Amino acid sequence: MKIIIGLGNPGKQYVNTRHNIGFRVIDEIVRQSELVTIGEELKFHQNDDFNALVAQTNHKGEKILLVKPQTFMNNSGECVAKIARFYKVKPQDIWVISDDIDLPLGSIRVRLSGSSGGHNGIESIIKNLSTEDIARIRVGVAQVDQTGMKSFDNYTPSLEAKEFVLSPFSERDLAIANRAIELASRIVIEAIETEEGLMAHTSQVK
């Protein structure tokens, strides 16, 4: 079994923010048709026990759960822990998709374990599962200036990271983010379809 978690915040006001890129990757995976669904068309339903939107599918006999926690970002681990206990899965069977303020906008990095890197959603999951051995697909959201250095672009230097990740994408940045979302979804789907899984995508920033 694979449990694939996209991190974000529920509510219309957060839809196009940087912090919700995990939700959007999950939506893109659902939109694509490569995964073989169980019965009717793959779609989300509200699971009150998990406090999450959940879509279930099956690939070559393996159950795949696509999850968007509705706990708000900082409490994502509560949802993930409930799912892990219910299905009795190992941490290695949980893949987490999140934004990353330390990676340039549009880039993607896959890691099979490690610290939270200051990401509150990842930190909550690590705390609730009592392990750092959780795979994560990190999608860069930091803006890059003309010199190639990461920057907050039109934002003031004093802008806090929290404000930045909760701000919406500009039209230019959204186009870049959309390409990264599509690539991240392809990485996840390919990892599901191959024996190597996410291991094949861990060597470099894409």
Protein backbone atom coordinates (compact mmCIF):
# COMPACT_ATOMS: atom_id res chain seq x y z
CA MET A 1 0.00 0.00 0.00
CA LYS A 2 1.08 3.56 -0.72
CA ILE A 3 -0.28 6.61 1.07
CA ILE A 4 0.48 9.81 -0.82
CA ILE A 5 -0.08 13.00 1.15
CA GLY A 6 -0.29 16.44 -0.43
CA LEU A 7 0.13 19.23 2.11
CA GLY A 8 -1.83 22.47 2.13
CA ASN A 9 -4.51 24.48 3.88
CA PRO A 10 -8.26 24.03 3.35
CA GLY A 11 -10.30 27.02 2.22
CA LYS A 12 -10.72 29.03 -0.98
CA GLN A 13 -8.41 31.79 0.26
CA TYR A 14 -5.45 29.40 0.17
CA VAL A 15 -6.04 27.73 -3.20
CA ASN A 16 -3.43 29.61 -5.23
CA THR A 17 -0.86 30.15 -2.49
CA ARG A 18 2.62 28.68 -2.45
CA HIS A 19 1.86 26.64 0.66
CA ASN A 20 -0.86 24.71 -1.18
CA ILE A 21 1.30 23.30 -3.95
CA GLY A 22 1.08 19.85 -2.33
CA PHE A 23 -2.71 19.89 -2.71
CA ARG A 24 -2.32 20.89 -6.35
CA VAL A 25 0.09 18.06 -7.14
CA ILE A 26 -2.40 15.57 -5.68
CA ASP A 27 -5.15 17.12 -7.81
CA GLU A 28 -2.96 16.76 -10.90
CA ILE A 29 -2.30 13.09 -10.13
CA VAL A 30 -6.05 12.53 -9.88
CA ARG A 31 -6.61 14.42 -13.12
CA GLN A 32 -4.25 12.19 -15.06
CA SER A 33 -5.53 8.82 -16.21
CA GLU A 34 -2.48 6.58 -15.77
CA LEU A 35 -3.65 5.12 -12.47
CA VAL A 36 -6.25 2.36 -12.76
CA THR A 37 -9.18 3.26 -10.56
CA ILE A 38 -11.36 0.97 -8.52
CA GLY A 39 -14.85 1.03 -9.92
CA GLU A 40 -16.07 4.53 -10.69
CA GLU A 41 -13.98 7.51 -11.70
CA LEU A 42 -11.30 8.47 -9.18
CA LYS A 43 -12.55 11.32 -7.01
CA PHE A 44 -12.20 12.72 -3.52
CA HIS A 45 -14.54 12.19 -0.61
CA GLN A 46 -14.45 13.64 2.88
CA ASN A 47 -13.27 11.19 5.53
CA ASP A 48 -14.28 12.59 8.90
CA ASP A 49 -12.33 9.97 10.85
CA PHE A 50 -9.09 11.13 9.23
CA ASN A 51 -10.18 14.76 8.78
CA ALA A 52 -9.04 14.57 5.18
CA LEU A 53 -10.13 14.48 1.58
CA VAL A 54 -9.30 11.00 0.31
CA ALA A 55 -9.25 9.37 -3.13
CA GLN A 56 -8.55 5.66 -3.45
CA THR A 57 -7.20 3.77 -6.42
CA ASN A 58 -5.42 0.53 -7.24
CA HIS A 59 -2.32 -0.21 -9.29
CA LYS A 60 -1.43 -3.81 -10.08
CA GLY A 61 -3.15 -5.02 -6.93
CA GLU A 62 -1.62 -2.39 -4.65
CA LYS A 63 -3.93 0.04 -2.91
CA ILE A 64 -3.03 3.71 -3.41
CA LEU A 65 -4.48 6.38 -1.14
CA LEU A 66 -4.29 10.04 -2.24
CA VAL A 67 -4.83 12.38 0.69
CA LYS A 68 -5.32 16.10 1.30
CA PRO A 69 -5.39 16.70 5.08
CA GLN A 70 -8.01 19.22 6.21
CA THR A 71 -6.31 19.92 9.55
CA PHE A 72 -4.43 23.01 8.32
CA MET A 73 -0.74 22.76 7.57
CA ASN A 74 0.73 22.89 11.08
CA ASN A 75 -1.36 19.92 12.26
CA SER A 76 -0.92 17.71 9.18
CA GLY A 77 0.72 15.00 11.27
CA GLU A 78 -2.50 14.33 13.20
CA CYS A 79 -4.24 13.26 9.99
CA VAL A 80 -1.27 11.26 8.70
CA ALA A 81 -0.85 9.40 12.00
CA LYS A 82 -4.53 8.40 12.05
CA ILE A 83 -4.26 7.00 8.52
CA ALA A 84 -1.00 5.19 9.28
CA ARG A 85 -2.52 3.54 12.36
CA PHE A 86 -5.74 2.59 10.59
CA TYR A 87 -3.99 0.90 7.65
CA LYS A 88 -1.03 -0.31 9.73
CA VAL A 89 1.49 0.95 7.18
CA LYS A 90 5.20 1.48 7.61
CA PRO A 91 6.56 5.06 7.42
CA GLN A 92 8.36 4.06 4.20
CA ASP A 93 4.96 3.57 2.54
CA ILE A 94 4.04 7.23 3.16
CA TRP A 95 5.05 9.83 0.54
CA VAL A 96 4.58 13.51 1.34
CA ILE A 97 4.38 16.32 -1.23
CA SER A 98 5.07 19.83 0.03
CA ASP A 99 6.26 23.30 -0.92
CA ASP A 100 9.86 24.24 -0.13
CA ILE A 101 10.94 27.83 0.42
CA ASP A 102 14.61 26.82 0.20
CA LEU A 103 14.35 25.57 -3.39
CA PRO A 104 14.02 27.83 -6.45
CA LEU A 105 10.55 28.19 -7.88
CA GLY A 106 9.76 25.32 -10.24
CA SER A 107 12.45 22.93 -9.00
CA ILE A 108 11.77 19.56 -7.39
CA ARG A 109 13.82 17.49 -4.97
CA VAL A 110 12.99 13.97 -3.77
CA ARG A 111 14.30 12.68 -0.45
CA LEU A 112 13.59 9.37 1.27
CA SER A 113 14.22 10.71 4.79
CA GLY A 114 15.58 13.70 6.64
CA SER A 115 14.65 16.59 8.89
CA SER A 116 11.72 18.92 8.33
CA GLY A 117 13.96 21.72 7.06
CA GLY A 118 11.79 24.13 9.00
CA HIS A 119 8.57 23.13 7.21
CA ASN A 120 5.82 23.03 9.83
CA GLY A 121 3.71 20.47 8.00
CA ILE A 122 6.62 18.05 7.64
CA GLU A 123 7.64 18.71 11.25
CA SER A 124 4.13 17.80 12.42
CA ILE A 125 4.25 14.53 10.49
CA ILE A 126 7.70 13.63 11.84
CA LYS A 127 6.55 14.38 15.37
CA ASN A 128 3.33 12.37 15.12
CA LEU A 129 5.00 9.35 13.46
CA SER A 130 8.15 9.58 15.63
CA THR A 131 10.43 9.11 12.63
CA GLU A 132 12.20 11.07 9.89
CA ASP A 133 12.10 8.07 7.55
CA ILE A 134 9.32 9.51 5.43
CA ALA A 135 9.76 10.12 1.71
CA ARG A 136 9.01 13.61 0.54
CA ILE A 137 8.66 15.32 -2.82
CA ARG A 138 9.62 18.95 -2.28
CA VAL A 139 8.49 21.55 -4.82
CA GLY A 140 10.45 24.81 -4.81
CA VAL A 141 8.54 28.06 -4.33
CA ALA A 142 11.35 30.58 -3.71
CA GLN A 143 11.51 33.27 -6.35
CA VAL A 144 14.73 33.74 -8.32
CA ASP A 145 16.09 37.13 -9.43
CA GLN A 146 18.00 37.88 -12.64
CA THR A 147 21.31 36.82 -11.07
CA GLY A 148 19.92 33.38 -10.28
CA MET A 149 19.86 34.06 -6.54
CA LYS A 150 16.80 33.16 -4.51
CA SER A 151 14.82 36.20 -3.48
CA PHE A 152 11.40 37.38 -2.43
CA ASP A 153 11.27 39.38 -5.70
CA ASN A 154 8.76 42.20 -5.19
CA TYR A 155 8.40 41.49 -1.48
CA THR A 156 10.20 43.45 1.21
CA PRO A 157 13.30 41.90 2.83
CA SER A 158 11.48 41.96 6.17
CA LEU A 159 8.67 39.76 4.90
CA GLU A 160 8.42 36.68 7.07
CA ALA A 161 8.51 33.24 5.50
CA LYS A 162 4.99 32.57 6.78
CA GLU A 163 3.61 35.56 4.90
CA PHE A 164 5.52 34.59 1.78
CA VAL A 165 4.27 31.01 1.52
CA LEU A 166 0.70 32.15 2.19
CA SER A 167 0.86 34.73 -0.60
CA PRO A 168 -0.58 33.94 -4.05
CA PHE A 169 1.54 33.35 -7.12
CA SER A 170 1.93 36.15 -9.63
CA GLU A 171 0.82 35.33 -13.17
CA ARG A 172 4.42 34.71 -14.24
CA ASP A 173 5.23 32.57 -11.21
CA LEU A 174 2.01 30.60 -11.56
CA ALA A 175 3.02 29.47 -15.04
CA ILE A 176 6.34 28.19 -13.65
CA ALA A 177 4.60 26.55 -10.70
CA ASN A 178 2.12 24.81 -12.99
CA ARG A 179 4.95 23.17 -14.93
CA ALA A 180 6.52 21.98 -11.67
CA ILE A 181 3.19 20.60 -10.48
CA GLU A 182 2.85 18.58 -13.67
CA LEU A 183 6.43 17.28 -13.35
CA ALA A 184 5.95 16.37 -9.69
CA SER A 185 2.79 14.45 -10.52
CA ARG A 186 4.65 12.56 -13.26
CA ILE A 187 7.42 11.66 -10.80
CA VAL A 188 4.89 10.24 -8.34
CA ILE A 189 3.06 8.27 -11.01
CA GLU A 190 6.30 6.85 -12.42
CA ALA A 191 7.41 5.94 -8.90
CA ILE A 192 4.17 4.04 -8.36
CA GLU A 193 4.58 2.20 -11.65
CA THR A 194 8.21 1.09 -11.24
CA GLU A 195 9.97 -1.21 -8.80
CA GLU A 196 12.57 1.45 -7.97
CA GLY A 197 9.87 3.77 -6.70
CA LEU A 198 11.06 7.19 -5.62
CA MET A 199 14.65 5.94 -5.37
CA ALA A 200 15.15 6.66 -9.07
CA HIS A 201 14.42 10.37 -8.53
CA THR A 202 16.56 11.15 -5.49
CA SER A 203 19.89 11.99 -7.15
CA GLN A 204 19.35 15.62 -8.13
CA VAL A 205 17.16 18.68 -8.18
CA LYS A 206 14.91 18.58 -11.24
